[in-house]
Amino acid sequence: MAEKIELDYVRQDRFHTEIIRKEQKLQKLHTEFSINPYRTLHIMPDKPMCRKPPEVIADNSGYIEALHRAKLEPIKKYPVPLTESQEIGWLPTPLIQSMSLDKRLNFQRITTDVTKHAEYARRRMN
């Protein structure tokens, strides 16, 4: 059996300082706080029998702008689609304005040898 090595106080202190250094290296200190504009904010009113005057809330124009921007459609928020699912229908206006005037979309039915043969075969089957 392997004997258990007993650690003295110096080695234990060295292990603790090493662990603390590793933790401090990976820690991130967040000093800024902001409310998520994509989440609805519910402000609860005071109780009906409350005698204290209502608080005056200062308007934060940056927060109000972020709140209005969060409620916009993705086309107005971003210049290009961010996800694959946004690519479908990103341009809501038709690419070609008038289909009847565009010659690329005007497909005339042309009768050829193959189509005549297919029509003849279809008639004989019925």
N, C-alpha and C. Protein backbone atom coordinates (compact mmCIF):
# COMPACT_ATOMS: atom_id res chain seq x y z
N MET A 1 0.82 -1.18 0.00
CA MET A 1 0.00 0.00 0.00
C MET A 1 0.87 1.24 0.00
N ALA A 2 0.33 2.23 -0.65
CA ALA A 2 1.06 3.50 -0.67
C ALA A 2 0.77 4.26 0.61
N GLU A 3 1.84 4.80 1.12
CA GLU A 3 1.68 5.55 2.36
C GLU A 3 1.17 6.96 2.06
N LYS A 4 0.35 7.46 2.92
CA LYS A 4 -0.18 8.80 2.76
C LYS A 4 0.86 9.80 3.24
N ILE A 5 1.20 10.73 2.34
CA ILE A 5 2.19 11.74 2.69
C ILE A 5 1.49 12.85 3.45
N GLU A 6 2.01 13.16 4.59
CA GLU A 6 1.41 14.21 5.39
C GLU A 6 2.00 15.55 4.96
N LEU A 7 1.13 16.50 4.64
CA LEU A 7 1.59 17.80 4.17
C LEU A 7 1.78 18.74 5.34
N ASP A 8 2.86 19.47 5.27
CA ASP A 8 3.07 20.46 6.32
C ASP A 8 2.38 21.76 5.93
N TYR A 9 2.41 22.74 6.80
CA TYR A 9 1.69 23.99 6.59
C TYR A 9 2.23 24.79 5.41
N VAL A 10 3.50 24.67 5.12
CA VAL A 10 4.10 25.41 4.01
C VAL A 10 3.56 24.88 2.68
N ARG A 11 3.50 23.59 2.53
CA ARG A 11 2.97 23.00 1.29
C ARG A 11 1.48 23.29 1.13
N GLN A 12 0.72 23.19 2.20
CA GLN A 12 -0.71 23.50 2.14
C GLN A 12 -0.93 24.96 1.73
N ASP A 13 -0.13 25.87 2.27
CA ASP A 13 -0.25 27.28 1.93
C ASP A 13 0.10 27.50 0.45
N ARG A 14 1.11 26.79 -0.02
CA ARG A 14 1.48 26.92 -1.43
C ARG A 14 0.36 26.43 -2.34
N PHE A 15 -0.30 25.34 -1.99
CA PHE A 15 -1.43 24.84 -2.78
C PHE A 15 -2.58 25.83 -2.78
N HIS A 16 -2.87 26.40 -1.63
CA HIS A 16 -3.97 27.37 -1.54
C HIS A 16 -3.68 28.62 -2.37
N THR A 17 -2.45 29.12 -2.30
CA THR A 17 -2.12 30.32 -3.09
C THR A 17 -2.17 30.02 -4.59
N GLU A 18 -1.79 28.83 -4.99
CA GLU A 18 -1.86 28.47 -6.41
C GLU A 18 -3.31 28.40 -6.88
N ILE A 19 -4.17 27.82 -6.06
CA ILE A 19 -5.60 27.74 -6.41
C ILE A 19 -6.21 29.14 -6.50
N ILE A 20 -5.87 30.00 -5.58
CA ILE A 20 -6.40 31.37 -5.59
C ILE A 20 -5.92 32.12 -6.83
N ARG A 21 -4.66 31.96 -7.20
CA ARG A 21 -4.15 32.61 -8.42
C ARG A 21 -4.89 32.14 -9.67
N LYS A 22 -5.15 30.86 -9.74
CA LYS A 22 -5.90 30.33 -10.90
C LYS A 22 -7.31 30.91 -10.94
N GLU A 23 -7.97 30.98 -9.80
CA GLU A 23 -9.32 31.53 -9.76
C GLU A 23 -9.34 33.01 -10.14
N GLN A 24 -8.38 33.77 -9.65
CA GLN A 24 -8.34 35.19 -9.97
C GLN A 24 -8.01 35.43 -11.43
N LYS A 25 -7.25 34.55 -12.02
CA LYS A 25 -6.91 34.69 -13.44
C LYS A 25 -8.14 34.50 -14.32
N LEU A 26 -9.06 33.64 -13.90
CA LEU A 26 -10.24 33.35 -14.70
C LEU A 26 -11.45 34.18 -14.35
N GLN A 27 -11.38 34.97 -13.29
CA GLN A 27 -12.52 35.78 -12.87
C GLN A 27 -12.66 37.00 -13.76
N LYS A 28 -13.92 37.39 -14.02
CA LYS A 28 -14.22 38.62 -14.73
C LYS A 28 -15.06 39.48 -13.81
N LEU A 29 -14.68 40.72 -13.67
CA LEU A 29 -15.42 41.62 -12.82
C LEU A 29 -16.35 42.46 -13.68
N HIS A 30 -17.64 42.32 -13.47
CA HIS A 30 -18.64 43.08 -14.21
C HIS A 30 -19.05 44.28 -13.36
N THR A 31 -18.73 45.48 -13.86
CA THR A 31 -19.04 46.68 -13.09
C THR A 31 -20.23 47.44 -13.67
N GLU A 32 -20.62 47.14 -14.91
CA GLU A 32 -21.74 47.85 -15.52
C GLU A 32 -23.00 47.00 -15.42
N PHE A 33 -24.10 47.64 -15.13
CA PHE A 33 -25.38 46.96 -15.04
C PHE A 33 -26.37 47.66 -15.95
N SER A 34 -27.11 46.89 -16.71
CA SER A 34 -28.16 47.46 -17.55
C SER A 34 -29.33 46.48 -17.59
N ILE A 35 -30.49 47.03 -17.81
CA ILE A 35 -31.70 46.20 -17.88
C ILE A 35 -31.81 45.66 -19.29
N ASN A 36 -32.20 44.41 -19.41
CA ASN A 36 -32.34 43.78 -20.72
C ASN A 36 -33.51 44.44 -21.46
N PRO A 37 -33.25 45.11 -22.60
CA PRO A 37 -34.34 45.79 -23.30
C PRO A 37 -35.27 44.82 -24.03
N TYR A 38 -34.88 43.58 -24.20
CA TYR A 38 -35.71 42.61 -24.91
C TYR A 38 -36.73 41.94 -24.00
N ARG A 39 -36.69 42.26 -22.72
CA ARG A 39 -37.62 41.69 -21.77
C ARG A 39 -38.60 42.76 -21.31
N THR A 40 -39.83 42.40 -21.18
CA THR A 40 -40.82 43.38 -20.76
C THR A 40 -40.63 43.69 -19.28
N LEU A 41 -40.76 44.96 -18.96
CA LEU A 41 -40.55 45.40 -17.60
C LEU A 41 -41.91 45.72 -16.99
N HIS A 42 -42.26 45.06 -15.91
CA HIS A 42 -43.53 45.27 -15.24
C HIS A 42 -43.29 46.11 -14.00
N ILE A 43 -43.87 47.29 -13.98
CA ILE A 43 -43.75 48.15 -12.82
C ILE A 43 -45.02 48.00 -12.00
N MET A 44 -44.86 47.60 -10.77
CA MET A 44 -46.01 47.37 -9.91
C MET A 44 -46.43 48.68 -9.26
N PRO A 45 -47.71 49.02 -9.28
CA PRO A 45 -48.16 50.24 -8.62
C PRO A 45 -48.19 50.07 -7.11
N ASP A 46 -48.27 51.21 -6.42
CA ASP A 46 -48.37 51.16 -4.97
C ASP A 46 -49.74 50.63 -4.56
N LYS A 47 -49.86 50.29 -3.29
CA LYS A 47 -51.14 49.82 -2.77
C LYS A 47 -52.13 50.98 -2.76
N PRO A 48 -53.41 50.70 -2.92
CA PRO A 48 -54.39 51.79 -3.00
C PRO A 48 -54.45 52.66 -1.75
N MET A 49 -54.19 52.11 -0.60
CA MET A 49 -54.30 52.88 0.64
C MET A 49 -52.96 53.47 1.10
N CYS A 50 -51.96 53.41 0.25
CA CYS A 50 -50.63 53.92 0.60
C CYS A 50 -50.67 55.45 0.63
N ARG A 51 -50.07 56.05 1.66
CA ARG A 51 -50.11 57.50 1.81
C ARG A 51 -48.85 58.19 1.30
N LYS A 52 -47.83 57.43 0.97
CA LYS A 52 -46.60 58.09 0.52
C LYS A 52 -46.77 58.58 -0.92
N PRO A 53 -46.17 59.70 -1.28
CA PRO A 53 -46.31 60.22 -2.65
C PRO A 53 -45.55 59.33 -3.64
N PRO A 54 -46.04 59.24 -4.87
CA PRO A 54 -45.34 58.40 -5.86
C PRO A 54 -43.97 58.98 -6.20
N GLU A 55 -43.04 58.09 -6.45
CA GLU A 55 -41.68 58.52 -6.77
C GLU A 55 -41.63 59.06 -8.19
N VAL A 56 -40.81 60.06 -8.37
CA VAL A 56 -40.61 60.62 -9.70
C VAL A 56 -39.42 59.90 -10.30
N ILE A 57 -39.65 59.23 -11.42
CA ILE A 57 -38.59 58.47 -12.09
C ILE A 57 -38.03 59.33 -13.20
N ALA A 58 -36.72 59.54 -13.18
CA ALA A 58 -36.08 60.34 -14.23
C ALA A 58 -36.05 59.54 -15.52
N ASP A 59 -36.31 60.23 -16.62
CA ASP A 59 -36.31 59.56 -17.92
C ASP A 59 -34.88 59.27 -18.34
N ASN A 60 -34.65 58.03 -18.69
CA ASN A 60 -33.35 57.62 -19.20
C ASN A 60 -33.51 57.42 -20.69
N SER A 61 -33.06 58.37 -21.47
CA SER A 61 -33.31 58.32 -22.91
C SER A 61 -32.59 57.14 -23.57
N GLY A 62 -31.43 56.76 -23.05
CA GLY A 62 -30.71 55.61 -23.61
C GLY A 62 -31.49 54.33 -23.45
N TYR A 63 -32.10 54.15 -22.28
CA TYR A 63 -32.90 52.96 -22.03
C TYR A 63 -34.16 52.97 -22.89
N ILE A 64 -34.80 54.12 -23.01
CA ILE A 64 -36.03 54.21 -23.79
C ILE A 64 -35.74 53.94 -25.27
N GLU A 65 -34.62 54.46 -25.77
CA GLU A 65 -34.24 54.18 -27.17
C GLU A 65 -33.97 52.69 -27.37
N ALA A 66 -33.28 52.07 -26.42
CA ALA A 66 -33.00 50.63 -26.53
C ALA A 66 -34.29 49.83 -26.47
N LEU A 67 -35.25 50.28 -25.67
CA LEU A 67 -36.53 49.59 -25.58
C LEU A 67 -37.30 49.71 -26.89
N HIS A 68 -37.31 50.90 -27.49
CA HIS A 68 -38.00 51.07 -28.77
C HIS A 68 -37.30 50.29 -29.88
N ARG A 69 -35.96 50.26 -29.84
CA ARG A 69 -35.20 49.53 -30.86
C ARG A 69 -35.46 48.02 -30.75
N ALA A 70 -35.65 47.53 -29.53
CA ALA A 70 -35.89 46.10 -29.34
C ALA A 70 -37.24 45.69 -29.90
N LYS A 71 -38.19 46.62 -29.97
CA LYS A 71 -39.52 46.28 -30.47
C LYS A 71 -39.64 46.40 -31.99
N LEU A 72 -38.58 46.87 -32.67
CA LEU A 72 -38.62 47.00 -34.13
C LEU A 72 -38.51 45.63 -34.80
N GLU A 73 -38.91 45.59 -36.08
CA GLU A 73 -38.75 44.36 -36.85
C GLU A 73 -37.26 44.16 -37.14
N PRO A 74 -36.83 42.92 -37.39
CA PRO A 74 -35.42 42.67 -37.65
C PRO A 74 -34.88 43.42 -38.87
N ILE A 75 -35.74 43.67 -39.86
CA ILE A 75 -35.28 44.37 -41.06
C ILE A 75 -34.86 45.79 -40.73
N LYS A 76 -35.55 46.42 -39.80
CA LYS A 76 -35.24 47.79 -39.42
C LYS A 76 -34.10 47.86 -38.40
N LYS A 77 -33.86 46.75 -37.67
CA LYS A 77 -32.81 46.74 -36.66
C LYS A 77 -31.43 46.47 -37.26
N TYR A 78 -31.35 45.50 -38.15
CA TYR A 78 -30.06 45.02 -38.64
C TYR A 78 -29.95 45.23 -40.14
N PRO A 79 -28.74 45.51 -40.65
CA PRO A 79 -28.60 45.69 -42.10
C PRO A 79 -28.65 44.38 -42.88
N VAL A 80 -28.23 43.29 -42.27
CA VAL A 80 -28.24 41.97 -42.93
C VAL A 80 -28.86 40.96 -41.97
N PRO A 81 -29.38 39.83 -42.49
CA PRO A 81 -29.94 38.81 -41.59
C PRO A 81 -28.86 38.19 -40.71
N LEU A 82 -29.21 37.91 -39.45
CA LEU A 82 -28.26 37.34 -38.50
C LEU A 82 -28.29 35.82 -38.48
N THR A 83 -29.43 35.22 -38.77
CA THR A 83 -29.55 33.77 -38.73
C THR A 83 -30.04 33.26 -40.08
N GLU A 84 -29.96 31.94 -40.24
CA GLU A 84 -30.42 31.33 -41.48
C GLU A 84 -31.92 31.50 -41.65
N SER A 85 -32.67 31.43 -40.57
CA SER A 85 -34.12 31.54 -40.68
C SER A 85 -34.55 32.96 -41.03
N GLN A 86 -33.72 33.96 -40.72
CA GLN A 86 -34.06 35.33 -41.09
C GLN A 86 -33.84 35.59 -42.57
N GLU A 87 -33.02 34.77 -43.23
CA GLU A 87 -32.76 34.99 -44.66
C GLU A 87 -34.02 34.78 -45.49
N ILE A 88 -34.89 33.91 -45.04
CA ILE A 88 -36.13 33.66 -45.76
C ILE A 88 -37.07 34.82 -45.48
N GLY A 89 -37.44 35.53 -46.49
CA GLY A 89 -38.35 36.65 -46.34
C GLY A 89 -37.70 37.92 -45.84
N TRP A 90 -36.38 38.05 -45.94
CA TRP A 90 -35.71 39.26 -45.47
C TRP A 90 -36.09 40.46 -46.32
N LEU A 91 -36.25 40.26 -47.62
CA LEU A 91 -36.68 41.34 -48.51
C LEU A 91 -38.16 41.15 -48.78
N PRO A 92 -39.04 41.91 -48.12
CA PRO A 92 -40.48 41.69 -48.28
C PRO A 92 -41.04 42.21 -49.59
N THR A 93 -40.36 43.14 -50.26
CA THR A 93 -40.86 43.66 -51.52
C THR A 93 -40.48 42.70 -52.65
N PRO A 94 -41.32 42.55 -53.67
CA PRO A 94 -40.97 41.65 -54.77
C PRO A 94 -39.78 42.20 -55.54
N LEU A 95 -38.95 41.28 -56.02
CA LEU A 95 -37.76 41.70 -56.76
C LEU A 95 -38.12 42.29 -58.12
N ILE A 96 -39.16 41.74 -58.75
CA ILE A 96 -39.62 42.26 -60.03
C ILE A 96 -40.99 42.86 -59.79
N GLN A 97 -41.15 44.14 -60.12
CA GLN A 97 -42.37 44.85 -59.76
C GLN A 97 -43.58 44.37 -60.57
N SER A 98 -43.47 44.36 -61.89
CA SER A 98 -44.62 43.94 -62.69
C SER A 98 -44.26 42.68 -63.45
N MET A 99 -44.93 41.58 -63.12
CA MET A 99 -44.60 40.30 -63.73
C MET A 99 -45.10 40.21 -65.17
N SER A 100 -46.19 40.89 -65.47
CA SER A 100 -46.74 40.78 -66.81
C SER A 100 -45.86 41.47 -67.84
N LEU A 101 -45.14 42.49 -67.43
CA LEU A 101 -44.30 43.21 -68.37
C LEU A 101 -42.92 42.58 -68.52
N ASP A 102 -42.53 41.77 -67.62
CA ASP A 102 -41.20 41.18 -67.68
C ASP A 102 -41.21 39.97 -68.61
N LYS A 103 -40.34 39.99 -69.61
CA LYS A 103 -40.31 38.91 -70.61
C LYS A 103 -39.63 37.66 -70.07
N ARG A 104 -38.85 37.79 -69.01
CA ARG A 104 -38.19 36.60 -68.46
C ARG A 104 -39.19 35.65 -67.82
N LEU A 105 -40.32 36.19 -67.35
CA LEU A 105 -41.30 35.35 -66.67
C LEU A 105 -42.47 34.97 -67.56
N ASN A 106 -42.43 35.34 -68.82
CA ASN A 106 -43.50 35.03 -69.76
C ASN A 106 -43.13 33.76 -70.52
N PHE A 107 -43.65 32.61 -70.05
CA PHE A 107 -43.32 31.33 -70.66
C PHE A 107 -44.48 30.91 -71.57
N GLN A 108 -44.26 30.98 -72.87
CA GLN A 108 -45.27 30.55 -73.83
C GLN A 108 -45.19 29.03 -73.95
N ARG A 109 -46.36 28.41 -74.17
CA ARG A 109 -46.36 26.96 -74.38
C ARG A 109 -46.00 26.69 -75.83
N ILE A 110 -44.94 25.95 -76.00
CA ILE A 110 -44.46 25.61 -77.34
C ILE A 110 -44.67 24.12 -77.55
N THR A 111 -45.22 23.76 -78.69
CA THR A 111 -45.46 22.36 -79.01
C THR A 111 -44.26 21.84 -79.79
N THR A 112 -43.66 20.75 -79.29
CA THR A 112 -42.52 20.12 -79.97
C THR A 112 -42.87 18.66 -80.22
N ASP A 113 -41.93 17.93 -80.81
CA ASP A 113 -42.15 16.51 -81.10
C ASP A 113 -42.38 15.72 -79.81
N VAL A 114 -41.62 16.05 -78.78
CA VAL A 114 -41.72 15.32 -77.51
C VAL A 114 -43.08 15.57 -76.88
N THR A 115 -43.53 16.80 -76.87
CA THR A 115 -44.81 17.10 -76.24
C THR A 115 -45.96 16.51 -77.03
N LYS A 116 -45.84 16.48 -78.37
CA LYS A 116 -46.88 15.85 -79.18
C LYS A 116 -46.96 14.36 -78.89
N HIS A 117 -45.80 13.72 -78.77
CA HIS A 117 -45.76 12.29 -78.49
C HIS A 117 -46.33 12.00 -77.09
N ALA A 118 -46.00 12.82 -76.10
CA ALA A 118 -46.51 12.62 -74.74
C ALA A 118 -48.02 12.81 -74.70
N GLU A 119 -48.53 13.77 -75.45
CA GLU A 119 -49.97 14.01 -75.48
C GLU A 119 -50.69 12.84 -76.15
N TYR A 120 -50.10 12.33 -77.24
CA TYR A 120 -50.69 11.19 -77.94
C TYR A 120 -50.70 9.95 -77.03
N ALA A 121 -49.60 9.74 -76.27
CA ALA A 121 -49.52 8.56 -75.39
C ALA A 121 -50.51 8.70 -74.24
N ARG A 122 -50.70 9.88 -73.73
CA ARG A 122 -51.63 10.10 -72.63
C ARG A 122 -53.06 9.85 -73.09
N ARG A 123 -53.40 10.23 -74.32
CA ARG A 123 -54.77 10.03 -74.85
C ARG A 123 -55.04 8.54 -75.03
N ARG A 124 -54.02 7.78 -75.48
CA ARG A 124 -54.23 6.36 -75.72
C ARG A 124 -54.39 5.58 -74.43
N MET A 125 -53.73 6.10 -73.33
CA MET A 125 -53.83 5.40 -72.04
C MET A 125 -55.22 5.53 -71.47
N ASN A 126 -55.88 6.65 -71.72
CA ASN A 126 -57.22 6.87 -71.17
C ASN A 126 -58.22 6.34 -72.11
